[in-house]
Amino acid sequence: MTIAAFTRWSSRLAFGITGAALIASCSTAPSDTADTAPSETTDAGAACAPELAEIDFGIISTESQANLQELWEPFLDKMEEELGRPVNGFYATDYAGVIEAMGAGKIQIAWYGGKSYIEAAKRSDAEAFAQTVASDGSKGYYSHLITNVDNPIVSEIDLEAGNGDQYVIEHASDLTFAFNDPNSTSGFLVPSYYVFSQQGVEPDGAFKELIFAGSHEATAQAVANNQVDVATNNNESLSRLQESDPAAFEKVQVIWTSPVIPSDPIAYRSDLPDCLKDQMKDFFYNVDDEAVLGPLDWQGFDPAGDTDWNTIRELDIAQQMEELKNDDTVSEADKAAQMEELEKQLEALK
């Protein structure tokens, strides 16, 4: 099975993605050390926000910490070189850990997914300023439902049509199912809305067993090892699996593909000094080192802003609406009040 085969089933629907941030140049002050001439990058780091001796960079847990460190450390080293101050990777065990760390001021910048970003923007002072651009130049990716190639359900699904979502809905009570993380865009929000909410199905209680496996690597391995019947994942993580564990990749079969999802934001705390924000923008907008971008499957970053992930906010609100419609435990009066509030939130995004 090849990555090209994944896109065969992809929907033609697409979210609109627009750039919203301006490129800001970095200005530095001269060194006040007369005897020695420090490097330009060290001078830049010392002149701006000296109270932040180090930068802590949050990285969401799409894979094991060991794998993520291998991918990210060259990039962080490059960023450290350009900013003139240490840049440390912060690897949380779940997505919420990165959101909470930014809210507590333990990290100053982070790589998020769309869903985790809108949560961080809401409660952790996160402000998106850049968007990842994949190695092929695309700024979007896809959520998948996957199963083991030898699972009997494969013969019951039209793989060309990619209608595995319907099979999952119709046979949920006989299946074990794994989401990724509750703050994952492709591993929870997107399939929750398109596969379940639109069909009026509440996953909790619908399956023989339902779990949250955490990382995309974990759900892929659970499927490859026949620990669950069906799981969520995405094309980028499956591409990584093809490189890191080809044997496991060959055991994975895609049975459903979502509409395109906007690619990931890079966000810093909104209260950082402007000079440091400018330095970060300058680095991200101009980095083009294949040695540090290649392992991450990126070719670079485009300027972006908070509103570029309004499509994710809209999807989040739509999912909440669908769940509310199908919730028999809420009175009609409370349901109407909550629905009115969600509609106001949706209208405010326009």
Protein backbone atom coordinates (compact mmCIF):
# COMPACT_ATOMS: atom_id res chain seq x y z
CA MET A 1 0.00 0.00 0.00
CA THR A 2 1.38 3.45 -0.96
CA ILE A 3 0.67 6.98 0.24
CA ALA A 4 -0.63 7.73 -3.24
CA ALA A 5 -3.31 5.14 -2.63
CA PHE A 6 -4.49 7.06 0.43
CA THR A 7 -5.42 10.15 -1.55
CA ARG A 8 -7.48 8.09 -4.00
CA TRP A 9 -10.33 8.18 -1.53
CA SER A 10 -9.90 11.80 -0.46
CA SER A 11 -12.95 14.08 -0.54
CA ARG A 12 -12.95 17.02 -2.96
CA LEU A 13 -14.30 19.29 -0.25
CA ALA A 14 -11.79 21.74 1.17
CA PHE A 15 -11.53 24.26 3.95
CA GLY A 16 -10.51 27.78 2.92
CA ILE A 17 -7.04 28.69 4.09
CA THR A 18 -5.82 32.26 3.97
CA GLY A 19 -2.60 33.91 5.09
CA ALA A 20 -3.04 36.66 7.67
CA ALA A 21 0.30 37.74 9.13
CA LEU A 22 2.92 40.16 7.83
CA ILE A 23 6.62 39.31 7.75
CA ALA A 24 8.42 41.36 10.36
CA SER A 25 12.14 41.96 10.20
CA CYS A 26 14.43 41.52 13.19
CA SER A 27 16.28 44.55 14.56
CA THR A 28 19.21 44.22 16.92
CA ALA A 29 21.06 46.61 19.18
CA PRO A 30 24.86 46.86 19.22
CA SER A 31 26.77 45.02 21.92
CA ASP A 32 27.88 47.05 24.90
CA THR A 33 31.00 44.89 25.32
CA ALA A 34 33.97 46.85 24.07
CA ASP A 35 36.76 44.25 24.32
CA THR A 36 35.16 41.41 22.37
CA ALA A 37 32.87 41.27 19.33
CA PRO A 38 30.19 38.63 19.94
CA SER A 39 28.53 36.86 17.04
CA GLU A 40 25.62 38.59 15.35
CA THR A 41 23.11 35.99 16.58
CA THR A 42 24.37 36.17 20.16
CA ASP A 43 24.12 39.96 20.01
CA ALA A 44 20.54 39.71 18.77
CA GLY A 45 19.60 37.36 21.56
CA ALA A 46 21.20 39.52 24.25
CA ALA A 47 19.63 42.76 22.99
CA CYS A 48 16.05 41.47 22.96
CA ALA A 49 14.18 40.24 26.05
CA PRO A 50 17.23 39.48 28.19
CA GLU A 51 14.89 38.30 30.94
CA LEU A 52 14.16 35.23 28.78
CA ALA A 53 17.54 33.54 28.91
CA GLU A 54 16.14 30.43 27.20
CA ILE A 55 13.21 29.54 24.93
CA ASP A 56 11.09 26.47 25.68
CA PHE A 57 9.36 25.03 22.59
CA GLY A 58 6.29 22.82 23.08
CA ILE A 59 5.79 19.83 20.78
CA ILE A 60 2.50 17.90 20.72
CA SER A 61 2.68 14.15 21.29
CA THR A 62 1.99 12.74 17.83
CA GLU A 63 4.67 10.07 18.39
CA SER A 64 6.85 8.77 21.20
CA GLN A 65 9.16 11.30 22.82
CA ALA A 66 12.22 9.46 21.51
CA ASN A 67 10.97 9.67 17.92
CA LEU A 68 9.96 13.31 18.27
CA GLN A 69 13.31 14.28 19.73
CA GLU A 70 15.10 12.69 16.80
CA LEU A 71 12.94 14.66 14.37
CA TRP A 72 12.92 17.98 16.20
CA GLU A 73 16.33 18.43 17.81
CA PRO A 74 18.13 19.49 14.57
CA PHE A 75 15.41 22.09 13.99
CA LEU A 76 15.61 23.39 17.56
CA ASP A 77 19.41 23.58 17.27
CA LYS A 78 19.04 25.67 14.12
CA MET A 79 16.53 27.95 15.84
CA GLU A 80 18.89 28.32 18.79
CA GLU A 81 21.69 29.32 16.44
CA GLU A 82 19.55 31.95 14.73
CA LEU A 83 17.97 33.39 17.90
CA GLY A 84 21.21 33.50 19.83
CA ARG A 85 19.84 31.83 22.96
CA PRO A 86 19.15 28.22 24.03
CA VAL A 87 15.96 26.64 22.62
CA ASN A 88 14.74 23.60 24.57
CA GLY A 89 12.21 21.03 23.39
CA PHE A 90 9.22 20.45 25.71
CA TYR A 91 7.72 17.02 25.03
CA ALA A 92 4.47 16.44 26.90
CA THR A 93 2.80 13.05 27.19
CA ASP A 94 -0.45 14.39 25.72
CA TYR A 95 -1.74 17.40 23.79
CA ALA A 96 -3.21 19.00 26.92
CA GLY A 97 0.25 19.12 28.46
CA VAL A 98 1.46 21.55 25.80
CA ILE A 99 -1.70 23.68 26.06
CA GLU A 100 -1.41 23.89 29.84
CA ALA A 101 2.34 24.56 29.74
CA MET A 102 1.82 27.60 27.53
CA GLY A 103 -0.96 28.84 29.79
CA ALA A 104 1.35 28.54 32.79
CA GLY A 105 4.16 30.36 30.99
CA LYS A 106 6.40 27.28 30.99
CA ILE A 107 6.79 27.42 27.21
CA GLN A 108 6.93 30.45 24.94
CA ILE A 109 6.25 28.83 21.55
CA ALA A 110 4.70 25.58 20.33
CA TRP A 111 3.80 23.38 17.39
CA TYR A 112 0.09 22.62 17.61
CA GLY A 113 -2.57 20.85 15.59
CA GLY A 114 -5.65 22.89 14.69
CA LYS A 115 -7.84 21.62 17.54
CA SER A 116 -5.14 21.95 20.19
CA TYR A 117 -4.34 25.44 18.89
CA ILE A 118 -7.89 26.79 19.18
CA GLU A 119 -7.96 25.45 22.75
CA ALA A 120 -4.61 27.10 23.49
CA ALA A 121 -5.76 30.38 21.94
CA LYS A 122 -8.89 30.27 24.09
CA ARG A 123 -7.24 29.61 27.44
CA SER A 124 -3.44 29.79 27.16
CA ASP A 125 -2.70 33.10 25.36
CA ALA A 126 -1.48 31.30 22.22
CA GLU A 127 -1.18 33.38 19.04
CA ALA A 128 -0.57 31.67 15.69
CA PHE A 129 1.92 33.38 13.37
CA ALA A 130 3.04 30.63 10.95
CA GLN A 131 1.61 27.61 9.14
CA THR A 132 3.52 24.51 8.10
CA VAL A 133 4.01 23.80 4.40
CA ALA A 134 4.48 20.13 3.56
CA SER A 135 7.35 18.78 1.46
CA ASP A 136 5.04 18.66 -1.57
CA GLY A 137 4.01 22.29 -1.09
CA SER A 138 0.55 21.55 0.31
CA LYS A 139 -0.99 23.28 3.33
CA GLY A 140 -3.49 20.61 4.23
CA TYR A 141 -3.74 16.99 5.29
CA TYR A 142 -6.36 14.27 5.84
CA SER A 143 -7.85 12.32 8.71
CA HIS A 144 -8.31 8.58 8.18
CA LEU A 145 -10.06 5.61 9.67
CA ILE A 146 -7.74 2.61 9.47
CA THR A 147 -7.92 -1.12 10.07
CA ASN A 148 -5.61 -4.11 9.73
CA VAL A 149 -5.31 -5.37 6.13
CA ASP A 150 -6.23 -8.86 7.35
CA ASN A 151 -9.27 -7.80 9.38
CA PRO A 152 -12.40 -9.45 7.92
CA ILE A 153 -14.14 -6.08 7.74
CA VAL A 154 -11.92 -5.11 4.79
CA SER A 155 -13.85 -7.48 2.53
CA GLU A 156 -17.10 -5.76 3.57
CA ILE A 157 -15.96 -2.29 2.56
CA ASP A 158 -15.69 -0.67 -0.86
CA LEU A 159 -12.12 0.56 -0.60
CA GLU A 160 -12.34 2.56 -3.81
CA ALA A 161 -15.33 4.46 -2.45
CA GLY A 162 -13.70 4.72 0.98
CA ASN A 163 -17.03 4.06 2.67
CA GLY A 164 -15.59 2.46 5.78
CA ASP A 165 -17.25 5.14 7.88
CA GLN A 166 -20.67 3.70 7.05
CA TYR A 167 -19.54 0.19 7.93
CA VAL A 168 -18.19 1.41 11.26
CA ILE A 169 -21.47 3.14 12.10
CA GLU A 170 -23.58 0.13 11.16
CA HIS A 171 -21.42 -2.42 13.02
CA ALA A 172 -20.10 -0.32 15.92
CA SER A 173 -21.43 -2.68 18.60
CA ASP A 174 -19.24 -5.48 17.20
CA LEU A 175 -16.07 -3.40 16.89
CA THR A 176 -13.26 -2.11 19.08
CA PHE A 177 -12.30 1.49 18.23
CA ALA A 178 -9.45 3.85 19.12
CA PHE A 179 -9.37 7.63 18.90
CA ASN A 180 -6.06 9.46 19.35
CA ASP A 181 -6.08 12.37 21.81
CA PRO A 182 -9.21 14.41 22.67
CA ASN A 183 -7.33 17.54 21.52
CA SER A 184 -6.24 15.99 18.22
CA THR A 185 -7.74 17.48 15.06
CA SER A 186 -7.41 14.46 12.76
CA GLY A 187 -7.48 11.90 15.56
CA PHE A 188 -10.65 13.13 17.25
CA LEU A 189 -12.40 16.32 16.14
CA VAL A 190 -12.65 15.63 12.40
CA PRO A 191 -13.78 11.98 12.60
CA SER A 192 -16.07 12.82 15.55
CA TYR A 193 -17.94 15.29 13.38
CA TYR A 194 -17.90 13.67 9.95
CA VAL A 195 -18.21 10.02 10.97
CA PHE A 196 -20.32 10.19 14.12
CA SER A 197 -22.04 13.52 14.83
CA GLN A 198 -23.45 13.90 11.33
CA GLN A 199 -24.95 10.43 11.64
CA GLY A 200 -26.43 11.14 15.06
CA VAL A 201 -24.17 8.57 16.74
CA GLU A 202 -22.48 9.03 20.13
CA PRO A 203 -19.24 6.98 20.05
CA ASP A 204 -19.23 6.52 23.82
CA GLY A 205 -21.41 3.45 24.28
CA ALA A 206 -21.73 2.63 20.59
CA PHE A 207 -18.69 0.33 20.38
CA LYS A 208 -17.86 -2.98 21.98
CA GLU A 209 -14.86 -1.10 23.33
CA LEU A 210 -13.73 2.53 22.87
CA ILE A 211 -10.31 3.84 23.92
CA PHE A 212 -8.12 6.94 23.55
CA ALA A 213 -4.70 5.62 22.53
CA GLY A 214 -2.91 8.99 22.59
CA SER A 215 -0.46 9.43 19.72
CA HIS A 216 -0.97 8.66 16.03
CA GLU A 217 1.92 6.24 16.30
CA ALA A 218 0.03 4.39 19.06
CA THR A 219 -3.19 3.99 17.06
CA ALA A 220 -1.27 2.81 13.97
CA GLN A 221 0.57 0.21 16.00
CA ALA A 222 -2.65 -0.90 17.73
CA VAL A 223 -4.19 -1.56 14.31
CA ALA A 224 -1.06 -3.21 12.91
CA ASN A 225 -0.96 -5.56 15.93
CA ASN A 226 -4.70 -6.32 15.81
CA GLN A 227 -5.30 -4.76 19.22
CA VAL A 228 -8.27 -2.76 17.90
CA ASP A 229 -10.48 -3.20 14.85
CA VAL A 230 -10.58 0.43 13.72
CA ALA A 231 -8.68 3.59 14.70
CA THR A 232 -8.19 7.19 13.67
CA ASN A 233 -5.00 8.49 12.06
CA ASN A 234 -3.85 10.84 9.28
CA ASN A 235 -1.87 10.70 6.06
CA GLU A 236 1.16 12.55 7.47
CA SER A 237 1.57 10.15 10.38
CA LEU A 238 1.10 7.14 8.11
CA SER A 239 3.81 8.51 5.85
CA ARG A 240 6.08 8.71 8.89
CA LEU A 241 5.16 5.12 9.80
CA GLN A 242 6.12 3.98 6.31
CA GLU A 243 9.63 5.29 6.98
CA SER A 244 10.02 4.31 10.63
CA ASP A 245 8.28 0.91 10.62
CA PRO A 246 7.58 -0.38 7.07
CA ALA A 247 6.38 -3.76 8.38
CA ALA A 248 3.69 -2.12 10.51
CA PHE A 249 2.75 0.23 7.66
CA GLU A 250 2.09 -2.71 5.34
CA LYS A 251 -0.49 -4.03 7.81
CA VAL A 252 -2.51 -0.79 7.79
CA GLN A 253 -5.48 -0.30 5.47
CA VAL A 254 -7.22 3.08 5.06
CA ILE A 255 -11.01 2.69 4.97
CA TRP A 256 -12.15 6.35 5.13
CA THR A 257 -10.65 9.76 4.29
CA SER A 258 -11.89 13.14 5.49
CA PRO A 259 -12.13 16.47 3.70
CA VAL A 260 -8.86 18.39 3.74
CA ILE A 261 -7.75 19.88 7.08
CA PRO A 262 -5.66 23.10 7.30
CA SER A 263 -2.04 22.27 8.13
CA ASP A 264 -0.56 22.96 11.53
CA PRO A 265 0.03 26.30 13.24
CA ILE A 266 3.13 27.51 15.04
CA ALA A 267 2.10 29.81 17.90
CA TYR A 268 3.85 31.89 20.50
CA ARG A 269 2.49 33.44 23.68
CA SER A 270 0.72 36.67 22.80
CA ASP A 271 2.48 38.56 25.60
CA LEU A 272 6.03 37.96 24.38
CA PRO A 273 8.09 41.10 23.70
CA ASP A 274 7.59 42.34 20.14
CA CYS A 275 11.30 42.11 19.38
CA LEU A 276 11.30 38.39 20.25
CA LYS A 277 8.15 37.80 18.19
CA ASP A 278 9.89 39.49 15.26
CA GLN A 279 12.96 37.30 15.67
CA MET A 280 10.81 34.18 15.71
CA LYS A 281 8.88 35.30 12.63
CA ASP A 282 12.09 36.08 10.81
CA PHE A 283 13.44 32.62 11.56
CA PHE A 284 10.31 30.68 10.62
CA TYR A 285 9.53 32.66 7.47
CA ASN A 286 13.06 32.27 6.13
CA VAL A 287 14.35 28.90 7.29
CA ASP A 288 15.01 26.71 4.23
CA ASP A 289 17.53 24.18 5.51
CA GLU A 290 16.60 20.74 4.13
CA ALA A 291 18.68 19.09 6.85
CA VAL A 292 16.34 20.37 9.57
CA LEU A 293 13.05 20.57 7.63
CA GLY A 294 13.31 17.28 5.74
CA PRO A 295 12.92 14.99 8.77
CA LEU A 296 9.71 16.86 9.66
CA ASP A 297 8.37 16.42 6.09
CA TRP A 298 8.12 20.20 5.68
CA GLN A 299 9.58 22.57 3.10
CA GLY A 300 9.01 25.67 5.21
CA PHE A 301 6.43 27.94 6.83
CA ASP A 302 4.02 30.56 5.54
CA PRO A 303 2.89 33.62 7.47
CA ALA A 304 -0.48 33.00 9.13
CA GLY A 305 -2.78 34.40 11.79
CA ASP A 306 -5.34 33.30 14.34
CA THR A 307 -8.30 33.49 11.96
CA ASP A 308 -6.74 30.95 9.59
CA TRP A 309 -7.99 28.28 11.99
CA ASN A 310 -11.55 29.59 12.18
CA THR A 311 -12.54 26.65 9.99
CA ILE A 312 -11.46 24.38 12.85
CA ARG A 313 -13.46 26.50 15.29
CA GLU A 314 -16.50 26.20 13.02
CA LEU A 315 -16.09 22.45 12.88
CA ASP A 316 -15.72 22.27 16.65
CA ILE A 317 -18.91 24.27 17.17
CA ALA A 318 -20.77 22.22 14.54
CA GLN A 319 -19.77 19.04 16.31
CA GLN A 320 -21.01 20.43 19.63
CA MET A 321 -24.31 21.32 17.97
CA GLU A 322 -24.78 17.84 16.55
CA GLU A 323 -23.99 16.25 19.91
CA LEU A 324 -26.44 18.58 21.63
CA LYS A 325 -29.20 17.71 19.16
CA ASN A 326 -28.77 14.04 19.93
CA ASP A 327 -28.40 14.38 23.70
CA ASP A 328 -31.57 13.06 25.34
CA THR A 329 -30.31 13.94 28.83
CA VAL A 330 -30.67 17.71 28.21
CA SER A 331 -34.08 19.34 28.59
CA GLU A 332 -35.56 21.11 25.59
CA ALA A 333 -35.28 24.47 27.36
CA ASP A 334 -31.59 23.96 28.20
CA LYS A 335 -30.96 22.58 24.75
CA ALA A 336 -32.46 25.69 23.14
CA ALA A 337 -30.37 27.99 25.36
CA GLN A 338 -27.15 26.11 24.67
CA MET A 339 -27.89 25.98 20.95
CA GLU A 340 -28.47 29.74 20.89
CA GLU A 341 -25.08 30.31 22.55
CA LEU A 342 -23.32 28.04 20.04
CA GLU A 343 -25.01 29.85 17.16
CA LYS A 344 -23.74 33.15 18.55
CA GLN A 345 -20.21 31.73 18.69
CA LEU A 346 -20.53 30.55 15.10
CA GLU A 347 -21.86 33.90 13.92
CA ALA A 348 -18.99 35.72 15.65
CA LEU A 349 -16.50 33.87 13.43
CA LYS A 350 -17.98 35.29 10.23
